[in-house]
Amino acid sequence: MSVLDRVKDAADSLTPAEQLLIKQVIASPRDIALGTANNLAQRIGVHEATVSRLAKKLGYPNFAGFRTAIQDEFIVRTDPATRVRNTLQQTSEAGFLTDLVAREIEALANLQHYVDDARLLGAARDLYKARRIFVFARGNAAALAVLVDRRLRRMGLNTVMLHGEGRDIAEQIVGMTSDDAIIAFAFRRQPRHLAALLNHARALGAKSVMVSGSVGPSLVPAADHLLFAPRAGSKDAFQTLTVPMAICNGLVLAMVNENTTASLERLETLGQLIDAFD
């Protein structure tokens, strides 16, 4: 079981002090993974024994075992070259494409265990009724952000693609209100500026949707809607965007479903405009 699964199972039995410890672990997994039980205890202001009891309550023999699990689950240890090298080494005699397709099929088959129609419809509802939709992504996730931004604009929705560094983002969201919404993407780690963006949205009352991989439940602060599922491949190997792209496509369809008539009319208008401009 993952650390997060163990936390969920033990949630009802956690003391207030233990809940504070869990929040600290999720907020700063790298610091916890590299520290000691005493370091963690001092951060929260509890006794070191409380840390040891929490580790055992979650099913680990001691804090060292708990820390190792945190390292395995939250810390990305490999660079891009190493991940591709690991994937090549894991390729079977069947070949690259056969192995890739098999991994993607398995990951897509498991998607329904993480994201269902109820989750999609809830996120779609808040996005569709928003005055503007701010889109945030970094790294490879930017490819998905471009896809979603384009499809939402084709439906006649007002989107704002956030770009640049902190000062740039601040200038782009200065006019955000409670009538707006955010859709953000995160995969191997929490992107810089994501926390500030989500905190600002929450303070205003703007809704937020997060599309993510396995790191999703550890992102802090939590978005109003979390749509996450593991991607194909292992954390230390090459991973594709097939699973999150399927989530995005499902989300777009769910948004069309919010007002099918209006959405289709806008798409028909778009088709006519494309013909006119061509």
Protein backbone atom coordinates (compact mmCIF):
# COMPACT_ATOMS: atom_id res chain seq x y z
CA MET A 1 0.00 0.00 0.00
CA SER A 2 1.10 3.57 -0.67
CA VAL A 3 1.66 6.07 2.11
CA LEU A 4 -1.51 7.92 1.10
CA ASP A 5 -3.58 4.72 1.11
CA ARG A 6 -2.32 3.92 4.61
CA VAL A 7 -3.19 7.44 5.76
CA LYS A 8 -6.72 7.14 4.38
CA ASP A 9 -7.25 3.79 6.12
CA ALA A 10 -6.01 5.17 9.44
CA ALA A 11 -7.64 8.61 9.13
CA ASP A 12 -10.35 7.99 11.75
CA SER A 13 -7.82 6.89 14.36
CA LEU A 14 -5.30 9.73 13.94
CA THR A 15 -4.90 12.15 16.84
CA PRO A 16 -4.76 15.92 16.19
CA ALA A 17 -0.98 15.83 16.59
CA GLU A 18 -0.70 12.96 14.13
CA GLN A 19 -2.91 14.80 11.63
CA LEU A 20 -0.55 17.78 11.85
CA LEU A 21 2.37 15.45 11.15
CA ILE A 22 0.64 14.03 8.08
CA LYS A 23 -0.05 17.53 6.75
CA GLN A 24 3.63 18.36 7.15
CA VAL A 25 4.68 15.19 5.32
CA ILE A 26 2.38 15.99 2.38
CA ALA A 27 3.41 19.65 2.29
CA SER A 28 7.19 19.01 2.43
CA PRO A 29 7.89 15.37 1.49
CA ARG A 30 11.45 16.07 0.35
CA ASP A 31 12.41 17.68 3.67
CA ILE A 32 10.84 14.82 5.63
CA ALA A 33 12.45 12.18 3.42
CA LEU A 34 15.89 13.61 4.11
CA GLY A 35 15.39 14.35 7.80
CA THR A 36 15.03 12.50 11.09
CA ALA A 37 12.13 11.78 13.40
CA ASN A 38 13.41 14.53 15.68
CA ASN A 39 13.47 17.03 12.78
CA LEU A 40 9.84 16.27 11.96
CA ALA A 41 8.78 16.46 15.61
CA GLN A 42 10.44 19.86 16.04
CA ARG A 43 8.71 21.22 12.94
CA ILE A 44 5.30 20.55 14.49
CA GLY A 45 6.19 21.02 18.12
CA VAL A 46 5.43 17.48 19.29
CA HIS A 47 7.44 14.80 21.05
CA GLU A 48 9.61 12.51 18.93
CA ALA A 49 7.67 9.54 20.30
CA THR A 50 4.57 10.88 18.52
CA VAL A 51 6.37 10.51 15.19
CA SER A 52 7.33 6.92 15.98
CA ARG A 53 3.76 6.07 17.03
CA LEU A 54 2.42 7.52 13.78
CA ALA A 55 4.84 5.41 11.72
CA LYS A 56 3.72 2.25 13.52
CA LYS A 57 0.04 3.20 13.27
CA LEU A 58 0.50 3.41 9.49
CA GLY A 59 2.01 -0.07 9.44
CA TYR A 60 5.72 0.72 9.34
CA PRO A 61 8.15 -0.90 11.80
CA ASN A 62 9.74 2.46 12.67
CA PHE A 63 10.31 5.98 11.35
CA ALA A 64 13.11 4.78 9.08
CA GLY A 65 10.65 2.53 7.26
CA PHE A 66 8.14 5.37 7.04
CA ARG A 67 10.81 7.70 5.65
CA THR A 68 11.86 5.17 3.01
CA ALA A 69 8.24 4.86 1.88
CA ILE A 70 8.01 8.66 1.60
CA GLN A 71 11.17 8.70 -0.50
CA ASP A 72 9.81 6.02 -2.82
CA GLU A 73 6.41 7.69 -3.21
CA PHE A 74 7.15 11.39 -3.35
CA ILE A 75 10.75 11.97 -4.35
CA VAL A 76 11.70 11.95 -8.00
CA ARG A 77 15.27 10.60 -8.06
CA THR A 78 15.91 10.21 -11.76
CA ASP A 79 16.66 12.67 -14.53
CA PRO A 80 15.07 12.43 -18.01
CA ALA A 81 18.04 10.57 -19.52
CA THR A 82 17.98 7.97 -16.76
CA ARG A 83 14.23 7.43 -17.14
CA VAL A 84 14.56 6.78 -20.87
CA ARG A 85 17.57 4.53 -20.28
CA ASN A 86 15.60 2.52 -17.71
CA THR A 87 12.72 2.13 -20.17
CA LEU A 88 15.05 0.85 -22.87
CA GLN A 89 16.55 -1.66 -20.45
CA GLN A 90 13.07 -2.89 -19.49
CA THR A 91 11.97 -3.46 -23.09
CA SER A 92 11.11 -7.08 -23.80
CA GLU A 93 11.79 -9.14 -26.91
CA ALA A 94 8.32 -8.17 -28.16
CA GLY A 95 9.70 -4.73 -29.02
CA PHE A 96 9.28 -1.08 -28.11
CA LEU A 97 5.86 -0.46 -29.63
CA THR A 98 4.34 -3.70 -28.35
CA ASP A 99 5.54 -3.01 -24.81
CA LEU A 100 4.37 0.60 -24.98
CA VAL A 101 0.89 -0.35 -26.18
CA ALA A 102 0.59 -3.00 -23.47
CA ARG A 103 1.51 -0.50 -20.76
CA GLU A 104 -0.91 2.09 -22.10
CA ILE A 105 -3.77 -0.41 -22.29
CA GLU A 106 -3.18 -1.45 -18.70
CA ALA A 107 -3.01 2.14 -17.47
CA LEU A 108 -6.15 3.15 -19.37
CA ALA A 109 -8.02 0.10 -18.09
CA ASN A 110 -7.21 1.19 -14.52
CA LEU A 111 -8.28 4.79 -15.14
CA GLN A 112 -11.92 4.11 -14.26
CA HIS A 113 -10.83 3.08 -10.76
CA TYR A 114 -9.59 6.63 -10.12
CA VAL A 115 -11.83 8.93 -12.19
CA ASP A 116 -15.53 8.29 -12.71
CA ASP A 117 -18.33 10.25 -14.39
CA ALA A 118 -19.38 11.85 -11.11
CA ARG A 119 -15.94 13.39 -10.63
CA LEU A 120 -15.78 14.52 -14.26
CA LEU A 121 -19.25 16.07 -14.18
CA GLY A 122 -18.55 17.91 -10.93
CA ALA A 123 -15.36 19.46 -12.34
CA ALA A 124 -17.02 20.16 -15.70
CA ARG A 125 -19.90 21.98 -14.06
CA ASP A 126 -17.66 24.43 -12.23
CA LEU A 127 -15.51 25.05 -15.30
CA TYR A 128 -18.40 25.51 -17.69
CA LYS A 129 -20.16 28.14 -15.60
CA ALA A 130 -16.97 30.13 -14.99
CA ARG A 131 -16.62 33.59 -16.51
CA ARG A 132 -13.00 32.84 -17.41
CA ILE A 133 -10.90 29.69 -17.15
CA PHE A 134 -7.24 30.18 -16.23
CA VAL A 135 -5.00 27.35 -17.53
CA PHE A 136 -1.74 26.53 -15.72
CA ALA A 137 0.93 23.95 -16.60
CA ARG A 138 4.69 23.51 -16.64
CA GLY A 139 7.05 21.17 -18.47
CA ASN A 140 5.56 18.34 -20.53
CA ALA A 141 2.14 19.09 -19.06
CA ALA A 142 2.08 22.25 -21.19
CA ALA A 143 1.16 20.07 -24.18
CA LEU A 144 -2.05 19.05 -22.43
CA ALA A 145 -2.75 22.63 -21.40
CA VAL A 146 -2.55 23.74 -25.05
CA LEU A 147 -4.94 20.96 -26.06
CA VAL A 148 -7.49 21.83 -23.37
CA ASP A 149 -7.19 25.58 -24.00
CA ARG A 150 -7.83 25.10 -27.70
CA ARG A 151 -10.85 22.84 -27.20
CA LEU A 152 -12.43 25.15 -24.66
CA ARG A 153 -11.99 28.14 -26.96
CA ARG A 154 -13.61 26.16 -29.78
CA MET A 155 -16.64 25.85 -27.51
CA GLY A 156 -16.75 29.63 -27.17
CA LEU A 157 -15.41 29.66 -23.61
CA ASN A 158 -13.12 32.43 -22.36
CA THR A 159 -9.69 31.04 -21.41
CA VAL A 160 -6.45 32.59 -20.16
CA MET A 161 -3.26 30.58 -20.65
CA LEU A 162 -0.90 31.47 -17.80
CA HIS A 163 2.75 31.80 -18.80
CA GLY A 164 6.04 33.14 -17.52
CA GLU A 165 7.40 33.26 -13.99
CA GLY A 166 5.94 34.49 -10.72
CA ARG A 167 5.67 38.19 -11.55
CA ASP A 168 4.15 37.38 -14.97
CA ILE A 169 1.54 35.07 -13.45
CA ALA A 170 0.68 37.64 -10.77
CA GLU A 171 -0.01 40.23 -13.47
CA GLN A 172 -2.19 37.78 -15.42
CA ILE A 173 -4.40 36.81 -12.45
CA VAL A 174 -4.75 40.24 -10.84
CA GLY A 175 -8.27 40.52 -12.25
CA MET A 176 -9.40 37.06 -11.14
CA THR A 177 -12.73 36.96 -9.28
CA SER A 178 -14.97 34.39 -7.65
CA ASP A 179 -16.70 33.94 -11.01
CA ASP A 180 -13.54 32.50 -12.55
CA ALA A 181 -11.96 29.04 -12.38
CA ILE A 182 -8.57 27.37 -12.78
CA ILE A 183 -7.56 24.14 -14.47
CA ALA A 184 -4.01 23.10 -13.60
CA PHE A 185 -1.75 20.16 -14.43
CA ALA A 186 0.95 18.46 -12.34
CA PHE A 187 2.72 15.13 -12.72
CA ARG A 188 6.14 14.16 -11.34
CA ARG A 189 6.28 16.96 -8.78
CA GLN A 190 4.36 20.03 -7.64
CA PRO A 191 5.14 22.90 -10.04
CA ARG A 192 6.55 26.12 -8.72
CA HIS A 193 3.86 28.81 -8.23
CA LEU A 194 1.02 26.24 -8.13
CA ALA A 195 0.47 26.65 -4.39
CA ALA A 196 0.33 30.45 -4.62
CA LEU A 197 -2.10 30.21 -7.55
CA LEU A 198 -4.46 27.80 -5.78
CA ASN A 199 -4.29 29.75 -2.52
CA HIS A 200 -5.22 32.95 -4.37
CA ALA A 201 -8.14 31.23 -6.10
CA ARG A 202 -9.39 29.80 -2.82
CA ALA A 203 -9.20 33.18 -1.10
CA LEU A 204 -11.33 34.69 -3.87
CA GLY A 205 -13.79 31.80 -4.00
CA ALA A 206 -12.76 30.79 -7.54
CA LYS A 207 -13.05 27.04 -8.28
CA SER A 208 -10.04 24.91 -9.21
CA VAL A 209 -9.58 21.64 -11.09
CA MET A 210 -6.36 19.61 -10.97
CA VAL A 211 -5.46 17.01 -13.59
CA SER A 212 -2.61 14.89 -12.31
CA GLY A 213 -0.82 11.57 -12.06
CA SER A 214 0.01 9.67 -8.88
CA VAL A 215 1.36 12.83 -7.24
CA GLY A 216 -2.16 14.31 -7.22
CA PRO A 217 -3.20 13.53 -3.62
CA SER A 218 0.04 15.01 -2.27
CA LEU A 219 -0.39 18.42 -3.90
CA VAL A 220 -0.87 21.23 -1.40
CA PRO A 221 -3.22 23.00 -1.20
CA ALA A 222 -5.79 20.61 -2.61
CA ALA A 223 -7.85 21.76 -5.58
CA ASP A 224 -11.64 21.73 -5.41
CA HIS A 225 -11.66 18.89 -7.96
CA LEU A 226 -8.83 16.36 -8.26
CA LEU A 227 -8.81 14.21 -11.40
CA PHE A 228 -5.82 11.91 -11.08
CA ALA A 229 -4.69 8.46 -12.16
CA PRO A 230 -1.31 6.71 -12.49
CA ARG A 231 0.33 7.00 -15.88
CA ALA A 232 1.80 4.06 -17.80
CA GLY A 233 5.31 3.09 -16.76
CA SER A 234 7.13 3.42 -13.43
CA LYS A 235 8.27 6.57 -11.66
CA ASP A 236 11.90 5.94 -12.61
CA ALA A 237 11.16 5.26 -16.29
CA PHE A 238 9.62 6.96 -19.34
CA GLN A 239 5.96 7.94 -18.88
CA THR A 240 3.51 9.22 -21.49
CA LEU A 241 0.56 11.62 -21.38
CA THR A 242 -1.97 9.09 -22.68
CA VAL A 243 -3.85 8.66 -19.38
CA PRO A 244 -4.10 12.38 -18.48
CA MET A 245 -5.07 13.13 -22.08
CA ALA A 246 -7.95 10.67 -21.72
CA ILE A 247 -8.99 12.50 -18.55
CA CYS A 248 -8.88 15.82 -20.41
CA ASN A 249 -10.95 14.47 -23.28
CA GLY A 250 -13.50 13.10 -20.84
CA LEU A 251 -13.60 16.45 -19.05
CA VAL A 252 -14.21 18.35 -22.30
CA LEU A 253 -17.05 15.98 -23.24
CA ALA A 254 -18.56 16.42 -19.79
CA MET A 255 -18.43 20.20 -20.29
CA VAL A 256 -20.24 19.87 -23.62
CA ASN A 257 -22.83 17.81 -21.78
CA GLU A 258 -23.49 20.74 -19.43
CA ASN A 259 -25.21 22.57 -22.29
CA THR A 260 -25.18 20.41 -25.38
CA THR A 261 -27.32 22.72 -27.51
CA ALA A 262 -25.23 25.85 -26.87
CA SER A 263 -21.94 23.97 -27.21
CA LEU A 264 -22.87 22.41 -30.53
CA GLU A 265 -24.18 25.73 -31.85
CA ARG A 266 -20.84 27.36 -31.06
CA LEU A 267 -18.96 24.53 -32.76
CA GLU A 268 -21.18 24.91 -35.82
CA THR A 269 -20.49 28.65 -35.83
CA LEU A 270 -16.79 27.88 -35.59
CA GLY A 271 -17.04 25.58 -38.61
CA GLN A 272 -18.71 28.34 -40.61
CA LEU A 273 -16.04 30.85 -39.57
CA ILE A 274 -13.27 28.45 -40.54
CA ASP A 275 -14.86 28.03 -43.97
CA ALA A 276 -15.14 31.81 -44.34
CA PHE A 277 -11.53 32.43 -43.37
CA ASP A 278 -10.21 29.60 -45.54
